[in-house]
């Protein structure tokens, strides 16, 4: 049976990763969290003094991109691959609000995006992949058989993100989380290189008022229909 590429793009905190993980597991496809890849580079930049509230040394980070080795290692207990930076598991470390505050700025650097897109293309060369991010259906895999664009209101996304952070025991204020969501939306949508936008042939899903099970059922059916179509 022929496999396909499924590209899931959309705004931050719309549940793209959750849906993509579930779908990949259901279809027995490979899941790639491109957002984690950009967060990993951001984490590296933070830990090496390239970015902070006061400055962003873009040239310094660009000069060290060859020192950044990213990989996904499958975790059987969780059922998906966790991201490793230079051999170290940083899956939890990159999910903080502090990393979120800087990731859009790092992701807007053309050299960073070029490096990441090259890796993403390699991961998807054999198809049978579910990849989520900001530009998967427009830049990385414009030929993907199924493209989905997910969105929700800023308030809804901020509430989800706030609850997630609180559940992890991280200190957070709703107003700060909402501000982060709004700022990331602006930077992601207005950057010069590969801005966030819906591909013309992508299916729009606004999940502001959708539960996780309902949303997964819709996406799963889309995927099954497309796979049948490709194999008919």
C-alpha atoms as a PDB file:
ATOM      1  CA  UNK A   1       0.000   0.000   0.000  1.00  0.00           C
ATOM      2  CA  UNK A   2       1.298   3.453  -0.945  1.00  0.00           C
ATOM      3  CA  UNK A   3       1.955   5.770   1.990  1.00  0.00           C
ATOM      4  CA  UNK A   4       1.425   9.512   2.000  1.00  0.00           C
ATOM      5  CA  UNK A   5       2.827  12.667   3.583  1.00  0.00           C
ATOM      6  CA  UNK A   6       0.507  14.439   6.009  1.00  0.00           C
ATOM      7  CA  UNK A   7       1.384  18.077   6.727  1.00  0.00           C
ATOM      8  CA  UNK A   8      -0.267  19.754   9.707  1.00  0.00           C
ATOM      9  CA  UNK A   9       0.375  23.496   9.978  1.00  0.00           C
ATOM     10  CA  UNK A  10      -1.201  26.194  12.083  1.00  0.00           C
ATOM     11  CA  UNK A  11      -0.908  28.665  14.901  1.00  0.00           C
ATOM     12  CA  UNK A  12       0.882  27.915  18.159  1.00  0.00           C
ATOM     13  CA  UNK A  13      -0.974  25.973  20.864  1.00  0.00           C
ATOM     14  CA  UNK A  14      -3.672  24.636  18.549  1.00  0.00           C
ATOM     15  CA  UNK A  15      -2.899  21.039  19.479  1.00  0.00           C
ATOM     16  CA  UNK A  16      -1.061  20.231  16.241  1.00  0.00           C
ATOM     17  CA  UNK A  17       1.498  18.020  17.971  1.00  0.00           C
ATOM     18  CA  UNK A  18      -1.116  16.099  19.941  1.00  0.00           C
ATOM     19  CA  UNK A  19      -3.185  15.344  16.844  1.00  0.00           C
ATOM     20  CA  UNK A  20      -0.101  14.526  14.760  1.00  0.00           C
ATOM     21  CA  UNK A  21       1.188  12.066  17.388  1.00  0.00           C
ATOM     22  CA  UNK A  22      -2.197  10.337  17.627  1.00  0.00           C
ATOM     23  CA  UNK A  23      -2.565  10.140  13.864  1.00  0.00           C
ATOM     24  CA  UNK A  24       0.946   8.789  13.310  1.00  0.00           C
ATOM     25  CA  UNK A  25       0.355   6.112  15.917  1.00  0.00           C
ATOM     26  CA  UNK A  26      -3.003   5.151  14.392  1.00  0.00           C
ATOM     27  CA  UNK A  27      -1.574   4.902  10.879  1.00  0.00           C
ATOM     28  CA  UNK A  28       1.764   3.445  12.008  1.00  0.00           C
ATOM     29  CA  UNK A  29       3.509   6.395  10.379  1.00  0.00           C
ATOM     30  CA  UNK A  30       6.573   8.325  11.556  1.00  0.00           C
ATOM     31  CA  UNK A  31       5.819  11.481  13.532  1.00  0.00           C
ATOM     32  CA  UNK A  32       8.104  14.519  13.299  1.00  0.00           C
ATOM     33  CA  UNK A  33       7.570  17.517  15.570  1.00  0.00           C
ATOM     34  CA  UNK A  34       9.257  20.360  13.678  1.00  0.00           C
ATOM     35  CA  UNK A  35       8.286  22.779  16.423  1.00  0.00           C
ATOM     36  CA  UNK A  36      10.473  20.751  18.779  1.00  0.00           C
ATOM     37  CA  UNK A  37      13.352  21.133  16.313  1.00  0.00           C
ATOM     38  CA  UNK A  38      13.103  24.925  16.401  1.00  0.00           C
ATOM     39  CA  UNK A  39      12.670  24.865  20.170  1.00  0.00           C
ATOM     40  CA  UNK A  40      15.830  22.763  20.429  1.00  0.00           C
ATOM     41  CA  UNK A  41      17.854  25.327  18.479  1.00  0.00           C
ATOM     42  CA  UNK A  42      16.347  28.050  20.682  1.00  0.00           C
ATOM     43  CA  UNK A  43      17.305  26.092  23.792  1.00  0.00           C
ATOM     44  CA  UNK A  44      20.856  25.822  22.463  1.00  0.00           C
ATOM     45  CA  UNK A  45      20.926  29.569  21.737  1.00  0.00           C
ATOM     46  CA  UNK A  46      19.711  30.376  25.256  1.00  0.00           C
ATOM     47  CA  UNK A  47      22.187  28.082  26.972  1.00  0.00           C
ATOM     48  CA  UNK A  48      25.092  29.424  24.946  1.00  0.00           C
ATOM     49  CA  UNK A  49      24.353  33.101  25.471  1.00  0.00           C
ATOM     50  CA  UNK A  50      23.155  33.905  21.965  1.00  0.00           C
ATOM     51  CA  UNK A  51      19.696  35.113  22.971  1.00  0.00           C
ATOM     52  CA  UNK A  52      18.123  36.753  26.014  1.00  0.00           C
ATOM     53  CA  UNK A  53      15.664  39.517  26.821  1.00  0.00           C
ATOM     54  CA  UNK A  54      18.420  42.050  26.101  1.00  0.00           C
ATOM     55  CA  UNK A  55      20.015  40.797  22.888  1.00  0.00           C
ATOM     56  CA  UNK A  56      20.055  38.290  20.042  1.00  0.00           C
ATOM     57  CA  UNK A  57      23.445  37.430  18.549  1.00  0.00           C
ATOM     58  CA  UNK A  58      22.195  36.018  15.245  1.00  0.00           C
ATOM     59  CA  UNK A  59      25.613  35.826  13.626  1.00  0.00           C
ATOM     60  CA  UNK A  60      27.046  33.976  16.621  1.00  0.00           C
ATOM     61  CA  UNK A  61      24.261  31.402  16.484  1.00  0.00           C
ATOM     62  CA  UNK A  62      24.571  31.001  12.709  1.00  0.00           C
ATOM     63  CA  UNK A  63      28.299  30.364  13.100  1.00  0.00           C
ATOM     64  CA  UNK A  64      27.576  27.449  15.449  1.00  0.00           C
ATOM     65  CA  UNK A  65      24.698  25.787  13.598  1.00  0.00           C
ATOM     66  CA  UNK A  66      27.045  22.995  12.513  1.00  0.00           C
ATOM     67  CA  UNK A  67      27.554  22.215  16.221  1.00  0.00           C
ATOM     68  CA  UNK A  68      23.844  21.471  16.667  1.00  0.00           C
ATOM     69  CA  UNK A  69      22.926  17.825  16.100  1.00  0.00           C
ATOM     70  CA  UNK A  70      19.245  16.953  16.474  1.00  0.00           C
ATOM     71  CA  UNK A  71      17.647  13.517  16.497  1.00  0.00           C
ATOM     72  CA  UNK A  72      14.407  11.824  17.496  1.00  0.00           C
ATOM     73  CA  UNK A  73      14.602   8.712  19.678  1.00  0.00           C
ATOM     74  CA  UNK A  74      11.452   6.609  19.996  1.00  0.00           C
ATOM     75  CA  UNK A  75      10.128   6.303  23.551  1.00  0.00           C
ATOM     76  CA  UNK A  76       8.100   3.096  23.801  1.00  0.00           C
ATOM     77  CA  UNK A  77       6.300   4.219  26.968  1.00  0.00           C
ATOM     78  CA  UNK A  78       5.106   7.471  25.376  1.00  0.00           C
ATOM     79  CA  UNK A  79       4.613   6.057  21.898  1.00  0.00           C
ATOM     80  CA  UNK A  80       6.506   8.782  20.020  1.00  0.00           C
ATOM     81  CA  UNK A  81      10.012  10.047  19.375  1.00  0.00           C
ATOM     82  CA  UNK A  82      11.554  12.481  21.832  1.00  0.00           C
ATOM     83  CA  UNK A  83      14.009  15.104  20.659  1.00  0.00           C
ATOM     84  CA  UNK A  84      17.692  14.944  21.532  1.00  0.00           C
ATOM     85  CA  UNK A  85      20.205  17.778  21.258  1.00  0.00           C
ATOM     86  CA  UNK A  86      23.789  16.586  20.828  1.00  0.00           C
ATOM     87  CA  UNK A  87      22.890  13.257  22.404  1.00  0.00           C
ATOM     88  CA  UNK A  88      20.899  14.667  25.339  1.00  0.00           C
ATOM     89  CA  UNK A  89      17.141  14.265  25.820  1.00  0.00           C
ATOM     90  CA  UNK A  90      15.665  17.783  26.024  1.00  0.00           C
ATOM     91  CA  UNK A  91      11.997  16.918  25.371  1.00  0.00           C
ATOM     92  CA  UNK A  92      10.789  18.450  28.652  1.00  0.00           C
ATOM     93  CA  UNK A  93      13.378  21.239  28.838  1.00  0.00           C
ATOM     94  CA  UNK A  94      12.167  22.854  25.598  1.00  0.00           C
ATOM     95  CA  UNK A  95       8.504  23.061  26.637  1.00  0.00           C
ATOM     96  CA  UNK A  96       8.869  26.007  29.020  1.00  0.00           C
ATOM     97  CA  UNK A  97       7.335  29.452  28.563  1.00  0.00           C
ATOM     98  CA  UNK A  98      10.849  30.932  28.531  1.00  0.00           C
ATOM     99  CA  UNK A  99      11.737  28.913  25.420  1.00  0.00           C
ATOM    100  CA  UNK A 100       8.366  29.871  23.910  1.00  0.00           C
ATOM    101  CA  UNK A 101       9.246  33.545  24.342  1.00  0.00           C
ATOM    102  CA  UNK A 102      12.291  33.235  22.070  1.00  0.00           C
ATOM    103  CA  UNK A 103      11.446  30.481  19.585  1.00  0.00           C
ATOM    104  CA  UNK A 104       9.728  32.648  16.958  1.00  0.00           C
ATOM    105  CA  UNK A 105      12.725  34.992  16.770  1.00  0.00           C
ATOM    106  CA  UNK A 106      15.126  32.069  16.307  1.00  0.00           C
ATOM    107  CA  UNK A 107      12.832  30.361  13.791  1.00  0.00           C
ATOM    108  CA  UNK A 108      12.753  33.558  11.705  1.00  0.00           C
ATOM    109  CA  UNK A 109      16.511  33.345  10.981  1.00  0.00           C
ATOM    110  CA  UNK A 110      16.832  32.143   7.338  1.00  0.00           C
ATOM    111  CA  UNK A 111      19.961  30.080   8.042  1.00  0.00           C
ATOM    112  CA  UNK A 112      18.185  28.248  10.864  1.00  0.00           C
ATOM    113  CA  UNK A 113      15.184  27.509   8.660  1.00  0.00           C
ATOM    114  CA  UNK A 114      17.424  26.297   5.822  1.00  0.00           C
ATOM    115  CA  UNK A 115      19.168  23.864   8.177  1.00  0.00           C
ATOM    116  CA  UNK A 116      15.875  22.580   9.573  1.00  0.00           C
ATOM    117  CA  UNK A 117      14.129  22.210   6.215  1.00  0.00           C
ATOM    118  CA  UNK A 118      17.053  20.143   4.917  1.00  0.00           C
ATOM    119  CA  UNK A 119      16.684  17.745   7.863  1.00  0.00           C
ATOM    120  CA  UNK A 120      12.900  17.630   7.508  1.00  0.00           C
ATOM    121  CA  UNK A 121      13.107  16.752   3.808  1.00  0.00           C
ATOM    122  CA  UNK A 122      15.463  13.905   4.627  1.00  0.00           C
ATOM    123  CA  UNK A 123      13.056  12.573   7.265  1.00  0.00           C
ATOM    124  CA  UNK A 124      10.169  12.557   4.809  1.00  0.00           C
ATOM    125  CA  UNK A 125      11.853  11.159   1.713  1.00  0.00           C
ATOM    126  CA  UNK A 126      10.218   7.727   2.108  1.00  0.00           C
ATOM    127  CA  UNK A 127       6.760   9.140   2.931  1.00  0.00           C
ATOM    128  CA  UNK A 128       4.647   7.468   5.614  1.00  0.00           C
ATOM    129  CA  UNK A 129       5.127  10.555   7.765  1.00  0.00           C
ATOM    130  CA  UNK A 130       3.031  13.000   9.792  1.00  0.00           C
ATOM    131  CA  UNK A 131       4.827  16.307  10.258  1.00  0.00           C
ATOM    132  CA  UNK A 132       3.519  19.372  12.038  1.00  0.00           C
ATOM    133  CA  UNK A 133       4.810  22.922  12.101  1.00  0.00           C
ATOM    134  CA  UNK A 134       4.320  26.332  10.505  1.00  0.00           C
ATOM    135  CA  UNK A 135       5.406  25.842   6.883  1.00  0.00           C
ATOM    136  CA  UNK A 136       5.235  22.117   6.215  1.00  0.00           C
ATOM    137  CA  UNK A 137       2.499  22.313   3.598  1.00  0.00           C
ATOM    138  CA  UNK A 138       3.760  25.525   1.998  1.00  0.00           C
ATOM    139  CA  UNK A 139       7.560  25.161   1.995  1.00  0.00           C
ATOM    140  CA  UNK A 140       8.808  21.772   3.194  1.00  0.00           C
ATOM    141  CA  UNK A 141       6.282  19.466   1.500  1.00  0.00           C
ATOM    142  CA  UNK A 142       4.114  21.518  -0.871  1.00  0.00           C
ATOM    143  CA  UNK A 143       3.403  18.211  -2.650  1.00  0.00           C
ATOM    144  CA  UNK A 144       2.002  16.555   0.514  1.00  0.00           C
ATOM    145  CA  UNK A 145      -1.092  14.503  -0.273  1.00  0.00           C
ATOM    146  CA  UNK A 146      -2.955  15.801   2.798  1.00  0.00           C
ATOM    147  CA  UNK A 147      -2.520  19.296   4.208  1.00  0.00           C
ATOM    148  CA  UNK A 148      -4.317  20.527   7.303  1.00  0.00           C
ATOM    149  CA  UNK A 149      -4.224  24.031   8.771  1.00  0.00           C
ATOM    150  CA  UNK A 150      -5.269  24.281  12.417  1.00  0.00           C
ATOM    151  CA  UNK A 151      -6.322  27.407  14.252  1.00  0.00           C
ATOM    152  CA  UNK A 152      -8.315  28.599  17.264  1.00  0.00           C
ATOM    153  CA  UNK A 153      -8.934  31.909  19.000  1.00  0.00           C
ATOM    154  CA  UNK A 154      -5.972  33.414  20.870  1.00  0.00           C
ATOM    155  CA  UNK A 155      -7.876  33.254  24.175  1.00  0.00           C
ATOM    156  CA  UNK A 156      -8.692  29.569  23.688  1.00  0.00           C
ATOM    157  CA  UNK A 157      -5.092  28.718  22.855  1.00  0.00           C
ATOM    158  CA  UNK A 158      -3.749  30.747  25.773  1.00  0.00           C
ATOM    159  CA  UNK A 159      -6.097  28.947  28.189  1.00  0.00           C
ATOM    160  CA  UNK A 160      -4.934  25.549  26.914  1.00  0.00           C
ATOM    161  CA  UNK A 161      -1.282  26.531  27.171  1.00  0.00           C
ATOM    162  CA  UNK A 162      -1.785  28.050  30.634  1.00  0.00           C
ATOM    163  CA  UNK A 163      -3.465  24.871  31.923  1.00  0.00           C
ATOM    164  CA  UNK A 164      -0.662  22.767  30.447  1.00  0.00           C
ATOM    165  CA  UNK A 165       2.029  24.834  32.166  1.00  0.00           C
ATOM    166  CA  UNK A 166       0.192  24.785  35.508  1.00  0.00           C
ATOM    167  CA  UNK A 167      -0.210  21.001  35.289  1.00  0.00           C
ATOM    168  CA  UNK A 168       3.562  20.733  34.958  1.00  0.00           C
ATOM    169  CA  UNK A 169       4.019  22.865  38.076  1.00  0.00           C
ATOM    170  CA  UNK A 170       5.454  25.796  36.169  1.00  0.00           C
ATOM    171  CA  UNK A 171       4.661  29.297  37.401  1.00  0.00           C
ATOM    172  CA  UNK A 172       2.701  31.216  34.802  1.00  0.00           C
ATOM    173  CA  UNK A 173       0.260  34.097  34.519  1.00  0.00           C
ATOM    174  CA  UNK A 174      -2.579  33.875  32.006  1.00  0.00           C
ATOM    175  CA  UNK A 175      -1.909  37.417  30.762  1.00  0.00           C
ATOM    176  CA  UNK A 176       1.724  36.530  30.081  1.00  0.00           C
ATOM    177  CA  UNK A 177       0.765  33.368  28.209  1.00  0.00           C
ATOM    178  CA  UNK A 178      -1.800  35.264  26.108  1.00  0.00           C
ATOM    179  CA  UNK A 179       0.765  37.935  25.278  1.00  0.00           C
ATOM    180  CA  UNK A 180       3.231  35.243  24.209  1.00  0.00           C
ATOM    181  CA  UNK A 181       0.607  33.637  21.941  1.00  0.00           C
ATOM    182  CA  UNK A 182      -0.245  36.961  20.304  1.00  0.00           C
ATOM    183  CA  UNK A 183       3.380  37.941  19.800  1.00  0.00           C
ATOM    184  CA  UNK A 184       4.241  34.543  18.292  1.00  0.00           C
ATOM    185  CA  UNK A 185       1.268  34.803  15.927  1.00  0.00           C
ATOM    186  CA  UNK A 186       2.522  38.176  14.703  1.00  0.00           C
ATOM    187  CA  UNK A 187       6.159  37.120  14.258  1.00  0.00           C
ATOM    188  CA  UNK A 188       5.249  33.779  12.643  1.00  0.00           C
ATOM    189  CA  UNK A 189       2.845  35.408  10.177  1.00  0.00           C
ATOM    190  CA  UNK A 190       4.996  38.426   9.292  1.00  0.00           C
ATOM    191  CA  UNK A 191       8.528  37.043   9.001  1.00  0.00           C
ATOM    192  CA  UNK A 192      10.110  37.402   5.560  1.00  0.00           C
ATOM    193  CA  UNK A 193      11.282  33.792   5.280  1.00  0.00           C
ATOM    194  CA  UNK A 194       8.515  31.156   5.098  1.00  0.00           C
ATOM    195  CA  UNK A 195       5.765  33.022   6.976  1.00  0.00           C
ATOM    196  CA  UNK A 196       2.910  31.093   8.546  1.00  0.00           C
ATOM    197  CA  UNK A 197       0.037  30.911   6.083  1.00  0.00           C
ATOM    198  CA  UNK A 198      -2.560  28.405   4.986  1.00  0.00           C
ATOM    199  CA  UNK A 199      -1.721  26.514   1.813  1.00  0.00           C
ATOM    200  CA  UNK A 200      -4.366  26.968  -0.874  1.00  0.00           C
ATOM    201  CA  UNK A 201      -5.205  23.258  -0.858  1.00  0.00           C
ATOM    202  CA  UNK A 202      -5.087  22.811   2.932  1.00  0.00           C
ATOM    203  CA  UNK A 203      -8.185  21.894   4.934  1.00  0.00           C
ATOM    204  CA  UNK A 204      -8.915  24.511   7.613  1.00  0.00           C
ATOM    205  CA  UNK A 205      -9.856  23.238  11.075  1.00  0.00           C
ATOM    206  CA  UNK A 206     -10.876  25.783  13.705  1.00  0.00           C
ATOM    207  CA  UNK A 207     -10.899  23.782  16.933  1.00  0.00           C
ATOM    208  CA  UNK A 208     -11.914  26.608  19.282  1.00  0.00           C
ATOM    209  CA  UNK A 209     -15.031  24.650  20.210  1.00  0.00           C
ATOM    210  CA  UNK A 210     -13.899  21.105  19.439  1.00  0.00           C
ATOM    211  CA  UNK A 211     -12.896  18.429  21.899  1.00  0.00           C
ATOM    212  CA  UNK A 212      -9.791  16.328  21.329  1.00  0.00           C
ATOM    213  CA  UNK A 213     -11.731  13.160  20.432  1.00  0.00           C
ATOM    214  CA  UNK A 214     -13.998  14.967  17.982  1.00  0.00           C
ATOM    215  CA  UNK A 215     -11.037  16.646  16.327  1.00  0.00           C
ATOM    216  CA  UNK A 216      -9.073  13.416  16.023  1.00  0.00           C
ATOM    217  CA  UNK A 217     -12.036  11.620  14.469  1.00  0.00           C
ATOM    218  CA  UNK A 218     -12.288  14.315  11.784  1.00  0.00           C
ATOM    219  CA  UNK A 219      -8.559  14.288  10.983  1.00  0.00           C
ATOM    220  CA  UNK A 220      -8.341  10.495  11.022  1.00  0.00           C
ATOM    221  CA  UNK A 221     -11.189  10.211   8.516  1.00  0.00           C
ATOM    222  CA  UNK A 222      -9.498  12.772   6.249  1.00  0.00           C
ATOM    223  CA  UNK A 223      -6.301  10.736   6.320  1.00  0.00           C
ATOM    224  CA  UNK A 224      -8.027   7.409   5.641  1.00  0.00           C
ATOM    225  CA  UNK A 225      -9.987   8.910   2.746  1.00  0.00           C
ATOM    226  CA  UNK A 226      -6.815  10.332   1.201  1.00  0.00           C
ATOM    227  CA  UNK A 227      -4.907   7.062   1.589  1.00  0.00           C
ATOM    228  CA  UNK A 228      -7.759   5.173  -0.110  1.00  0.00           C
ATOM    229  CA  UNK A 229      -7.799   7.732  -2.899  1.00  0.00           C
ATOM    230  CA  UNK A 230      -4.037   7.413  -3.479  1.00  0.00           C
ATOM    231  CA  UNK A 231      -4.298   3.616  -3.563  1.00  0.00           C
ATOM    232  CA  UNK A 232      -7.401   3.355  -5.748  1.00  0.00           C
END
